[in-house]
Amino acid sequence: MNLELSFIHYLNQRSFSIFFRNAYLKANLLTSELEIFSNKSKKRISYKRFKVRKNDLFLEELRYMKICQKSKKENFLSIENNLATIKLIDQIKKFKIKNL
């Protein structure tokens, strides 16, 4: 899997690729495009545009958090559960700034 999230580069990049044995999937979150390519021929097998409503994603997270609070269930979206990820992102940002 390859993930590109550029916060410093002058061109914004929000994309990811998932590699399989016979093909790979490439998604661009900025242009809302999903493509599947053949590994052998490198030709595009499938193309689709999708619609993501960002506000809906945040609302869904808030609904989940509310359910967790009511049921006393541990919320995987909590700061405690994601602290290591947040620290890693900060280290990457600092590394990019120092090495530019």
C-alpha atoms as a PDB file:
ATOM      1  CA  MET A   1       0.000   0.000   0.000  1.00  0.00           C
ATOM      2  CA  ASN A   2       1.224   3.477  -0.864  1.00  0.00           C
ATOM      3  CA  LEU A   3      -0.285   6.560   0.805  1.00  0.00           C
ATOM      4  CA  GLU A   4       0.431  10.160  -0.211  1.00  0.00           C
ATOM      5  CA  LEU A   5      -0.706  13.043   1.997  1.00  0.00           C
ATOM      6  CA  SER A   6       1.248  16.143   1.157  1.00  0.00           C
ATOM      7  CA  PHE A   7       0.908  18.997   3.647  1.00  0.00           C
ATOM      8  CA  ILE A   8       4.094  20.858   2.748  1.00  0.00           C
ATOM      9  CA  HIS A   9       4.480  20.367  -1.004  1.00  0.00           C
ATOM     10  CA  TYR A  10       3.099  23.125  -3.229  1.00  0.00           C
ATOM     11  CA  LEU A  11       0.848  20.539  -4.939  1.00  0.00           C
ATOM     12  CA  ASN A  12      -1.700  18.976  -2.609  1.00  0.00           C
ATOM     13  CA  GLN A  13      -1.763  15.193  -2.803  1.00  0.00           C
ATOM     14  CA  ARG A  14      -4.380  12.998  -1.208  1.00  0.00           C
ATOM     15  CA  SER A  15      -4.110   9.600  -2.820  1.00  0.00           C
ATOM     16  CA  PHE A  16      -3.428   5.983  -2.099  1.00  0.00           C
ATOM     17  CA  SER A  17      -2.613   2.837  -4.056  1.00  0.00           C
ATOM     18  CA  ILE A  18      -3.237  -0.758  -3.105  1.00  0.00           C
ATOM     19  CA  PHE A  19      -1.214  -3.399  -4.911  1.00  0.00           C
ATOM     20  CA  PHE A  20      -2.569  -6.881  -5.642  1.00  0.00           C
ATOM     21  CA  ARG A  21      -1.074  -9.846  -7.479  1.00  0.00           C
ATOM     22  CA  ASN A  22      -2.660  -9.102 -10.887  1.00  0.00           C
ATOM     23  CA  ALA A  23      -3.671  -5.454 -10.587  1.00  0.00           C
ATOM     24  CA  TYR A  24      -3.404  -2.330  -8.494  1.00  0.00           C
ATOM     25  CA  LEU A  25      -5.998   0.169  -7.346  1.00  0.00           C
ATOM     26  CA  LYS A  26      -5.266   3.882  -7.346  1.00  0.00           C
ATOM     27  CA  ALA A  27      -7.552   6.400  -5.621  1.00  0.00           C
ATOM     28  CA  ASN A  28      -7.223  10.175  -5.689  1.00  0.00           C
ATOM     29  CA  LEU A  29      -9.240  11.796  -2.909  1.00  0.00           C
ATOM     30  CA  LEU A  30      -8.873  15.324  -4.293  1.00  0.00           C
ATOM     31  CA  THR A  31     -10.273  14.544  -7.735  1.00  0.00           C
ATOM     32  CA  SER A  32     -12.609  11.756  -6.484  1.00  0.00           C
ATOM     33  CA  GLU A  33     -11.256   9.233  -8.962  1.00  0.00           C
ATOM     34  CA  LEU A  34     -10.768   5.504  -8.585  1.00  0.00           C
ATOM     35  CA  GLU A  35      -8.760   3.552 -11.163  1.00  0.00           C
ATOM     36  CA  ILE A  36      -7.736  -0.083 -11.485  1.00  0.00           C
ATOM     37  CA  PHE A  37      -4.690  -0.983 -13.587  1.00  0.00           C
ATOM     38  CA  SER A  38      -3.356  -4.313 -14.808  1.00  0.00           C
ATOM     39  CA  ASN A  39       0.102  -5.208 -13.512  1.00  0.00           C
ATOM     40  CA  LYS A  40       1.047  -6.988 -16.743  1.00  0.00           C
ATOM     41  CA  SER A  41      -0.113  -4.538 -19.406  1.00  0.00           C
ATOM     42  CA  LYS A  42      -0.128  -1.390 -17.227  1.00  0.00           C
ATOM     43  CA  LYS A  43      -3.430  -0.499 -18.927  1.00  0.00           C
ATOM     44  CA  ARG A  44      -6.389   0.908 -17.049  1.00  0.00           C
ATOM     45  CA  ILE A  45      -9.024  -1.785 -16.495  1.00  0.00           C
ATOM     46  CA  SER A  46     -11.633   0.303 -14.729  1.00  0.00           C
ATOM     47  CA  TYR A  47     -12.335   3.952 -13.931  1.00  0.00           C
ATOM     48  CA  LYS A  48     -14.939   5.449 -11.636  1.00  0.00           C
ATOM     49  CA  ARG A  49     -15.647   8.843 -10.115  1.00  0.00           C
ATOM     50  CA  PHE A  50     -17.027   8.835  -6.595  1.00  0.00           C
ATOM     51  CA  LYS A  51     -18.569  11.450  -4.375  1.00  0.00           C
ATOM     52  CA  VAL A  52     -17.357  12.072  -0.838  1.00  0.00           C
ATOM     53  CA  ARG A  53     -19.175  14.527   1.335  1.00  0.00           C
ATOM     54  CA  LYS A  54     -16.604  15.468   3.948  1.00  0.00           C
ATOM     55  CA  ASN A  55     -19.131  16.828   6.413  1.00  0.00           C
ATOM     56  CA  ASP A  56     -20.930  13.476   6.394  1.00  0.00           C
ATOM     57  CA  LEU A  57     -17.700  11.758   7.445  1.00  0.00           C
ATOM     58  CA  PHE A  58     -17.334  14.063  10.454  1.00  0.00           C
ATOM     59  CA  LEU A  59     -21.002  13.693  11.384  1.00  0.00           C
ATOM     60  CA  GLU A  60     -20.664   9.917  11.247  1.00  0.00           C
ATOM     61  CA  GLU A  61     -17.667  10.063  13.611  1.00  0.00           C
ATOM     62  CA  LEU A  62     -19.640  12.245  16.034  1.00  0.00           C
ATOM     63  CA  ARG A  63     -22.587   9.815  15.961  1.00  0.00           C
ATOM     64  CA  TYR A  64     -20.230   6.924  16.685  1.00  0.00           C
ATOM     65  CA  MET A  65     -18.631   8.841  19.563  1.00  0.00           C
ATOM     66  CA  LYS A  66     -22.069   9.543  21.044  1.00  0.00           C
ATOM     67  CA  ILE A  67     -23.022   5.848  20.840  1.00  0.00           C
ATOM     68  CA  CYS A  68     -19.759   4.895  22.565  1.00  0.00           C
ATOM     69  CA  GLN A  69     -20.398   7.358  25.382  1.00  0.00           C
ATOM     70  CA  LYS A  70     -23.950   6.098  25.940  1.00  0.00           C
ATOM     71  CA  SER A  71     -22.961   2.435  25.906  1.00  0.00           C
ATOM     72  CA  LYS A  72     -19.697   3.001  27.862  1.00  0.00           C
ATOM     73  CA  LYS A  73     -17.875   1.351  24.957  1.00  0.00           C
ATOM     74  CA  GLU A  74     -14.258   2.324  24.258  1.00  0.00           C
ATOM     75  CA  ASN A  75     -14.030   4.774  21.382  1.00  0.00           C
ATOM     76  CA  PHE A  76     -11.285   3.923  18.896  1.00  0.00           C
ATOM     77  CA  LEU A  77     -11.380   7.578  17.734  1.00  0.00           C
ATOM     78  CA  SER A  78     -10.193   8.859  21.099  1.00  0.00           C
ATOM     79  CA  ILE A  79      -7.019  10.902  21.481  1.00  0.00           C
ATOM     80  CA  GLU A  80      -5.492   8.228  23.717  1.00  0.00           C
ATOM     81  CA  ASN A  81      -5.922   5.577  21.017  1.00  0.00           C
ATOM     82  CA  ASN A  82      -4.477   7.807  18.298  1.00  0.00           C
ATOM     83  CA  LEU A  83      -1.683   9.555  20.208  1.00  0.00           C
ATOM     84  CA  ALA A  84       1.074   7.451  18.608  1.00  0.00           C
ATOM     85  CA  THR A  85      -0.247   8.300  15.132  1.00  0.00           C
ATOM     86  CA  ILE A  86      -0.403  12.008  15.966  1.00  0.00           C
ATOM     87  CA  LYS A  87       3.201  11.923  17.250  1.00  0.00           C
ATOM     88  CA  LEU A  88       4.364  10.122  14.094  1.00  0.00           C
ATOM     89  CA  ILE A  89       2.692  12.725  11.861  1.00  0.00           C
ATOM     90  CA  ASP A  90       4.389  15.519  13.823  1.00  0.00           C
ATOM     91  CA  GLN A  91       7.784  13.834  13.461  1.00  0.00           C
ATOM     92  CA  ILE A  92       7.280  13.461   9.696  1.00  0.00           C
ATOM     93  CA  LYS A  93       6.317  17.124   9.345  1.00  0.00           C
ATOM     94  CA  LYS A  94       9.376  18.235  11.334  1.00  0.00           C
ATOM     95  CA  PHE A  95      11.632  15.935   9.305  1.00  0.00           C
ATOM     96  CA  LYS A  96      10.313  17.343   6.008  1.00  0.00           C
ATOM     97  CA  ILE A  97      10.812  20.936   7.151  1.00  0.00           C
ATOM     98  CA  LYS A  98      14.404  20.304   8.309  1.00  0.00           C
ATOM     99  CA  ASN A  99      15.378  18.460   5.119  1.00  0.00           C
ATOM    100  CA  LEU A 100      13.972  20.903   2.557  1.00  0.00           C
END
